[in-house]
Amino acid sequence: MINAGLLAQLADDVTTDDLRTILGAFHTDMDRLCGQLRDAAAAGDSDRFRRAAHAIAGAAGVVAATALEDCARVAMDGAEPPGPAMEASAAAISALAVAAQASLIQYLQTGALPA
């Protein structure tokens, strides 16, 4: 889910306050971007869906949420046809975003990722 080595590298490269700011922005962005992704999927708007997936992949990469990043990149590049497959992809990405957020919150609180 979260690449512990990459997250540790990020934590070493920035101050604790900066890390909190980065992870807080990720949390806010994921809520907004996953909403955009689900809305685009429900509307069958492939272009908006790909743009939201692209933004999610980029944000996930910054915080070492590699599973989320990978899933978003597949959706971004996969040219999913509108309909149930696109909606299922949006739901999977949203679930990974929630899990990544929970892991990162735990990391901020305890200094460790969930086992």
Protein backbone atom coordinates (compact mmCIF):
# COMPACT_ATOMS: atom_id res chain seq x y z
CA MET A 1 0.00 0.00 0.00
CA ILE A 2 2.57 2.59 1.17
CA ASN A 3 6.19 2.12 0.19
CA ALA A 4 7.87 2.48 3.59
CA GLY A 5 11.31 3.16 2.10
CA LEU A 6 10.07 5.97 -0.12
CA LEU A 7 8.03 7.47 2.70
CA ALA A 8 11.06 7.36 5.01
CA GLN A 9 13.11 9.11 2.33
CA LEU A 10 10.47 11.83 2.06
CA ALA A 11 10.39 12.18 5.85
CA ASP A 12 14.19 12.54 5.87
CA ASP A 13 14.12 15.18 3.13
CA VAL A 14 11.61 17.56 4.73
CA THR A 15 10.83 18.92 8.18
CA THR A 16 8.13 17.31 10.29
CA ASP A 17 5.90 20.34 9.74
CA ASP A 18 6.44 20.13 5.99
CA LEU A 19 5.61 16.41 6.04
CA ARG A 20 2.38 17.15 7.92
CA THR A 21 1.55 19.82 5.33
CA ILE A 22 2.24 17.46 2.42
CA LEU A 23 0.17 14.65 3.93
CA GLY A 24 -2.62 17.07 4.84
CA ALA A 25 -2.74 18.33 1.26
CA PHE A 26 -2.83 14.73 0.04
CA HIS A 27 -5.82 14.03 2.28
CA THR A 28 -7.69 17.11 1.03
CA ASP A 29 -6.78 16.43 -2.60
CA MET A 30 -7.86 12.78 -2.44
CA ASP A 31 -11.32 13.68 -1.18
CA ARG A 32 -11.77 16.18 -4.02
CA LEU A 33 -10.10 14.13 -6.77
CA CYS A 34 -11.87 10.88 -5.92
CA GLY A 35 -15.15 12.77 -6.02
CA GLN A 36 -14.25 14.09 -9.47
CA LEU A 37 -13.27 10.59 -10.57
CA ARG A 38 -16.55 9.05 -9.38
CA ASP A 39 -18.57 11.88 -10.95
CA ALA A 40 -16.76 11.45 -14.27
CA ALA A 41 -17.34 7.69 -14.19
CA ALA A 42 -21.03 8.14 -13.41
CA ALA A 43 -21.34 10.62 -16.29
CA GLY A 44 -19.36 8.40 -18.65
CA ASP A 45 -16.89 11.23 -19.26
CA SER A 46 -13.66 9.45 -20.25
CA ASP A 47 -11.60 12.63 -20.59
CA ARG A 48 -12.49 13.93 -17.12
CA PHE A 49 -11.96 10.43 -15.72
CA ARG A 50 -8.44 10.24 -17.16
CA ARG A 51 -7.56 13.73 -15.90
CA ALA A 52 -8.72 12.90 -12.38
CA ALA A 53 -6.88 9.55 -12.47
CA HIS A 54 -3.73 11.37 -13.64
CA ALA A 55 -3.94 13.84 -10.76
CA ILE A 56 -4.53 11.02 -8.26
CA ALA A 57 -1.53 9.10 -9.58
CA GLY A 58 0.70 12.15 -9.24
CA ALA A 59 -0.43 12.95 -5.71
CA ALA A 60 -0.08 9.31 -4.66
CA GLY A 61 3.45 9.19 -6.04
CA VAL A 62 4.49 12.15 -3.90
CA VAL A 63 3.47 10.39 -0.65
CA ALA A 64 4.69 6.90 -1.64
CA ALA A 65 1.17 5.46 -1.95
CA THR A 66 2.37 3.10 -4.64
CA ALA A 67 -0.67 0.81 -4.82
CA LEU A 68 -2.94 3.81 -5.33
CA GLU A 69 -0.54 5.32 -7.85
CA ASP A 70 -0.35 2.07 -9.84
CA CYS A 71 -4.13 1.61 -9.91
CA ALA A 72 -4.69 5.22 -10.96
CA ARG A 73 -2.08 4.91 -13.73
CA VAL A 74 -3.80 1.79 -15.08
CA ALA A 75 -7.12 3.67 -15.12
CA MET A 76 -5.48 6.70 -16.69
CA ASP A 77 -3.82 4.71 -19.46
CA GLY A 78 -6.42 1.99 -19.88
CA ALA A 79 -8.98 3.94 -21.89
CA GLU A 80 -11.81 2.33 -19.92
CA PRO A 81 -15.09 2.53 -21.81
CA PRO A 82 -17.86 4.41 -20.02
CA GLY A 83 -20.11 2.21 -17.94
CA PRO A 84 -19.74 -0.36 -15.18
CA ALA A 85 -16.00 -0.97 -15.72
CA MET A 86 -15.21 2.73 -15.33
CA GLU A 87 -17.40 2.98 -12.23
CA ALA A 88 -15.75 -0.12 -10.73
CA SER A 89 -12.33 1.39 -11.41
CA ALA A 90 -13.37 4.64 -9.69
CA ALA A 91 -14.63 2.67 -6.68
CA ALA A 92 -11.38 0.68 -6.44
CA ILE A 93 -9.26 3.83 -6.66
CA SER A 94 -11.40 5.54 -4.03
CA ALA A 95 -11.03 2.57 -1.69
CA LEU A 96 -7.25 2.60 -2.13
CA ALA A 97 -7.21 6.34 -1.44
CA VAL A 98 -9.09 5.85 1.83
CA ALA A 99 -6.70 3.07 2.86
CA ALA A 100 -3.66 5.18 1.95
CA GLN A 101 -5.01 8.11 3.95
CA ALA A 102 -5.54 5.88 7.00
CA SER A 103 -2.02 4.48 6.73
CA LEU A 104 -0.50 7.93 6.42
CA ILE A 105 -2.48 9.25 9.39
CA GLN A 106 -1.20 6.33 11.45
CA TYR A 107 2.33 7.10 10.27
CA LEU A 108 1.99 10.71 11.44
CA GLN A 109 0.60 9.64 14.79
CA THR A 110 2.97 6.77 15.56
CA GLY A 111 5.90 7.03 13.19
CA ALA A 112 5.06 3.57 11.81
CA LEU A 113 2.91 2.22 9.03
CA PRO A 114 0.23 -0.41 9.73
CA ALA A 115 1.48 -4.01 9.64
